Amino acid sequence: MNDNNSHYIAVTGQRQRLRITIAKIVTQCKVLVNPELRFCL
């Protein structure tokens, strides 16, 4: 059961890093396309 919990923490960490990476990409895209745009197509 402890091993399963460790796996869950690892998966959660991967998702959090992925979310941060996507947020960085979207932010860079907003800046590159047009600072006034709220979203990136």
PDB file of N, CA and C in Angstrom:
ATOM      1  N   MET A   1       0.843  -1.199   0.000  1.00  0.00           N
ATOM      2  CA  MET A   1       0.000   0.000   0.000  1.00  0.00           C
ATOM      3  C   MET A   1       0.881   1.253   0.000  1.00  0.00           C
ATOM      4  N   ASN A   2       2.001   1.165   0.678  1.00  0.00           N
ATOM      5  CA  ASN A   2       2.923   2.294   0.690  1.00  0.00           C
ATOM      6  C   ASN A   2       3.505   2.519  -0.703  1.00  0.00           C
ATOM      7  N   ASP A   3       3.760   1.423  -1.427  1.00  0.00           N
ATOM      8  CA  ASP A   3       4.313   1.532  -2.773  1.00  0.00           C
ATOM      9  C   ASP A   3       3.299   2.198  -3.700  1.00  0.00           C
ATOM     10  N   ASN A   4       2.037   1.850  -3.528  1.00  0.00           N
ATOM     11  CA  ASN A   4       0.985   2.442  -4.353  1.00  0.00           C
ATOM     12  C   ASN A   4       0.900   3.946  -4.094  1.00  0.00           C
ATOM     13  N   ASN A   5       1.044   4.342  -2.847  1.00  0.00           N
ATOM     14  CA  ASN A   5       0.996   5.760  -2.502  1.00  0.00           C
ATOM     15  C   ASN A   5       2.160   6.499  -3.149  1.00  0.00           C
ATOM     16  N   SER A   6       3.337   5.885  -3.164  1.00  0.00           N
ATOM     17  CA  SER A   6       4.505   6.499  -3.791  1.00  0.00           C
ATOM     18  C   SER A   6       4.261   6.689  -5.283  1.00  0.00           C
ATOM     19  N   HIS A   7       3.647   5.707  -5.914  1.00  0.00           N
ATOM     20  CA  HIS A   7       3.339   5.805  -7.344  1.00  0.00           C
ATOM     21  C   HIS A   7       2.364   6.953  -7.589  1.00  0.00           C
ATOM     22  N   TYR A   8       1.376   7.085  -6.734  1.00  0.00           N
ATOM     23  CA  TYR A   8       0.384   8.164  -6.878  1.00  0.00           C
ATOM     24  C   TYR A   8       1.060   9.534  -6.778  1.00  0.00           C
ATOM     25  N   ILE A   9       1.987   9.666  -5.835  1.00  0.00           N
ATOM     26  CA  ILE A   9       2.710  10.932  -5.661  1.00  0.00           C
ATOM     27  C   ILE A   9       3.542  11.228  -6.907  1.00  0.00           C
ATOM     28  N   ALA A  10       4.175  10.208  -7.469  1.00  0.00           N
ATOM     29  CA  ALA A  10       4.996  10.402  -8.662  1.00  0.00           C
ATOM     30  C   ALA A  10       4.140  10.857  -9.832  1.00  0.00           C
ATOM     31  N   VAL A  11       2.982  10.228 -10.017  1.00  0.00           N
ATOM     32  CA  VAL A  11       2.089  10.603 -11.119  1.00  0.00           C
ATOM     33  C   VAL A  11       1.584  12.029 -10.921  1.00  0.00           C
ATOM     34  N   THR A  12       1.237  12.369  -9.686  1.00  0.00           N
ATOM     35  CA  THR A  12       0.754  13.723  -9.404  1.00  0.00           C
ATOM     36  C   THR A  12       1.840  14.742  -9.707  1.00  0.00           C
ATOM     37  N   GLY A  13       3.076  14.411  -9.354  1.00  0.00           N
ATOM     38  CA  GLY A  13       4.191  15.315  -9.631  1.00  0.00           C
ATOM     39  C   GLY A  13       4.390  15.509 -11.124  1.00  0.00           C
ATOM     40  N   GLN A  14       4.246  14.440 -11.904  1.00  0.00           N
ATOM     41  CA  GLN A  14       4.392  14.548 -13.350  1.00  0.00           C
ATOM     42  C   GLN A  14       3.312  15.453 -13.923  1.00  0.00           C
ATOM     43  N   ARG A  15       2.087  15.290 -13.448  1.00  0.00           N
ATOM     44  CA  ARG A  15       0.988  16.124 -13.950  1.00  0.00           C
ATOM     45  C   ARG A  15       1.229  17.583 -13.604  1.00  0.00           C
ATOM     46  N   GLN A  16       1.740  17.837 -12.396  1.00  0.00           N
ATOM     47  CA  GLN A  16       1.980  19.217 -11.983  1.00  0.00           C
ATOM     48  C   GLN A  16       3.066  19.848 -12.847  1.00  0.00           C
ATOM     49  N   ARG A  17       4.144  19.092 -13.134  1.00  0.00           N
ATOM     50  CA  ARG A  17       5.203  19.624 -13.995  1.00  0.00           C
ATOM     51  C   ARG A  17       4.676  19.876 -15.392  1.00  0.00           C
ATOM     52  N   LEU A  18       3.836  18.959 -15.886  1.00  0.00           N
ATOM     53  CA  LEU A  18       3.263  19.122 -17.222  1.00  0.00           C
ATOM     54  C   LEU A  18       2.398  20.372 -17.264  1.00  0.00           C
ATOM     55  N   ARG A  19       1.615  20.584 -16.230  1.00  0.00           N
ATOM     56  CA  ARG A  19       0.735  21.757 -16.175  1.00  0.00           C
ATOM     57  C   ARG A  19       1.556  23.041 -16.166  1.00  0.00           C
ATOM     58  N   ILE A  20       2.666  23.035 -15.406  1.00  0.00           N
ATOM     59  CA  ILE A  20       3.538  24.213 -15.354  1.00  0.00           C
ATOM     60  C   ILE A  20       4.168  24.458 -16.723  1.00  0.00           C
ATOM     61  N   THR A  21       4.599  23.378 -17.384  1.00  0.00           N
ATOM     62  CA  THR A  21       5.206  23.510 -18.708  1.00  0.00           C
ATOM     63  C   THR A  21       4.206  24.088 -19.696  1.00  0.00           C
ATOM     64  N   ILE A  22       2.978  23.590 -19.684  1.00  0.00           N
ATOM     65  CA  ILE A  22       1.940  24.103 -20.586  1.00  0.00           C
ATOM     66  C   ILE A  22       1.676  25.573 -20.280  1.00  0.00           C
ATOM     67  N   ALA A  23       1.632  25.934 -19.016  1.00  0.00           N
ATOM     68  CA  ALA A  23       1.390  27.327 -18.638  1.00  0.00           C
ATOM     69  C   ALA A  23       2.497  28.225 -19.175  1.00  0.00           C
ATOM     70  N   LYS A  24       3.752  27.761 -19.114  1.00  0.00           N
ATOM     71  CA  LYS A  24       4.872  28.547 -19.638  1.00  0.00           C
ATOM     72  C   LYS A  24       4.748  28.714 -21.146  1.00  0.00           C
ATOM     73  N   ILE A  25       4.410  27.634 -21.848  1.00  0.00           N
ATOM     74  CA  ILE A  25       4.279  27.688 -23.303  1.00  0.00           C
ATOM     75  C   ILE A  25       3.168  28.654 -23.690  1.00  0.00           C
ATOM     76  N   VAL A  26       2.029  28.558 -23.018  1.00  0.00           N
ATOM     77  CA  VAL A  26       0.895  29.435 -23.334  1.00  0.00           C
ATOM     78  C   VAL A  26       1.263  30.886 -23.059  1.00  0.00           C
ATOM     79  N   THR A  27       1.970  31.129 -21.945  1.00  0.00           N
ATOM     80  CA  THR A  27       2.369  32.496 -21.608  1.00  0.00           C
ATOM     81  C   THR A  27       3.316  33.045 -22.660  1.00  0.00           C
ATOM     82  N   GLN A  28       4.302  32.249 -23.081  1.00  0.00           N
ATOM     83  CA  GLN A  28       5.237  32.682 -24.116  1.00  0.00           C
ATOM     84  C   GLN A  28       4.497  32.955 -25.412  1.00  0.00           C
ATOM     85  N   CYS A  29       3.522  32.115 -25.729  1.00  0.00           N
ATOM     86  CA  CYS A  29       2.762  32.270 -26.960  1.00  0.00           C
ATOM     87  C   CYS A  29       1.966  33.567 -26.912  1.00  0.00           C
ATOM     88  N   LYS A  30       1.360  33.873 -25.772  1.00  0.00           N
ATOM     89  CA  LYS A  30       0.591  35.113 -25.648  1.00  0.00           C
ATOM     90  C   LYS A  30       1.501  36.316 -25.881  1.00  0.00           C
ATOM     91  N   VAL A  31       2.710  36.257 -25.329  1.00  0.00           N
ATOM     92  CA  VAL A  31       3.640  37.376 -25.468  1.00  0.00           C
ATOM     93  C   VAL A  31       4.116  37.494 -26.915  1.00  0.00           C
ATOM     94  N   LEU A  32       4.392  36.353 -27.554  1.00  0.00           N
ATOM     95  CA  LEU A  32       4.902  36.378 -28.924  1.00  0.00           C
ATOM     96  C   LEU A  32       3.843  36.834 -29.920  1.00  0.00           C
ATOM     97  N   VAL A  33       2.633  36.330 -29.776  1.00  0.00           N
ATOM     98  CA  VAL A  33       1.578  36.642 -30.745  1.00  0.00           C
ATOM     99  C   VAL A  33       1.132  38.090 -30.589  1.00  0.00           C
ATOM    100  N   ASN A  34       0.703  38.451 -29.411  1.00  0.00           N
ATOM    101  CA  ASN A  34       0.230  39.811 -29.170  1.00  0.00           C
ATOM    102  C   ASN A  34       0.006  39.995 -27.673  1.00  0.00           C
ATOM    103  N   PRO A  35       0.661  40.956 -27.067  1.00  0.00           N
ATOM    104  CA  PRO A  35       0.514  41.156 -25.618  1.00  0.00           C
ATOM    105  C   PRO A  35      -0.929  41.415 -25.199  1.00  0.00           C
ATOM    106  N   GLU A  36      -1.761  41.897 -26.117  1.00  0.00           N
ATOM    107  CA  GLU A  36      -3.140  42.214 -25.766  1.00  0.00           C
ATOM    108  C   GLU A  36      -4.047  40.986 -25.798  1.00  0.00           C
ATOM    109  N   LEU A  37      -3.599  39.919 -26.461  1.00  0.00           N
ATOM    110  CA  LEU A  37      -4.430  38.717 -26.540  1.00  0.00           C
ATOM    111  C   LEU A  37      -4.463  38.011 -25.194  1.00  0.00           C
ATOM    112  N   ARG A  38      -5.618  37.496 -24.842  1.00  0.00           N
ATOM    113  CA  ARG A  38      -5.766  36.777 -23.576  1.00  0.00           C
ATOM    114  C   ARG A  38      -5.538  35.285 -23.769  1.00  0.00           C
ATOM    115  N   PHE A  39      -5.545  34.815 -25.004  1.00  0.00           N
ATOM    116  CA  PHE A  39      -5.359  33.385 -25.257  1.00  0.00           C
ATOM    117  C   PHE A  39      -4.573  33.198 -26.544  1.00  0.00           C
ATOM    118  N   CYS A  40      -4.044  32.001 -26.719  1.00  0.00           N
ATOM    119  CA  CYS A  40      -3.242  31.687 -27.901  1.00  0.00           C
ATOM    120  C   CYS A  40      -3.996  30.685 -28.754  1.00  0.00           C
ATOM    121  N   LEU A  41      -4.124  30.971 -30.029  1.00  0.00           N
ATOM    122  CA  LEU A  41      -4.834  30.063 -30.935  1.00  0.00           C
ATOM    123  C   LEU A  41      -3.903  28.940 -31.366  1.00  0.00           C
TER     124      LEU A  41
END
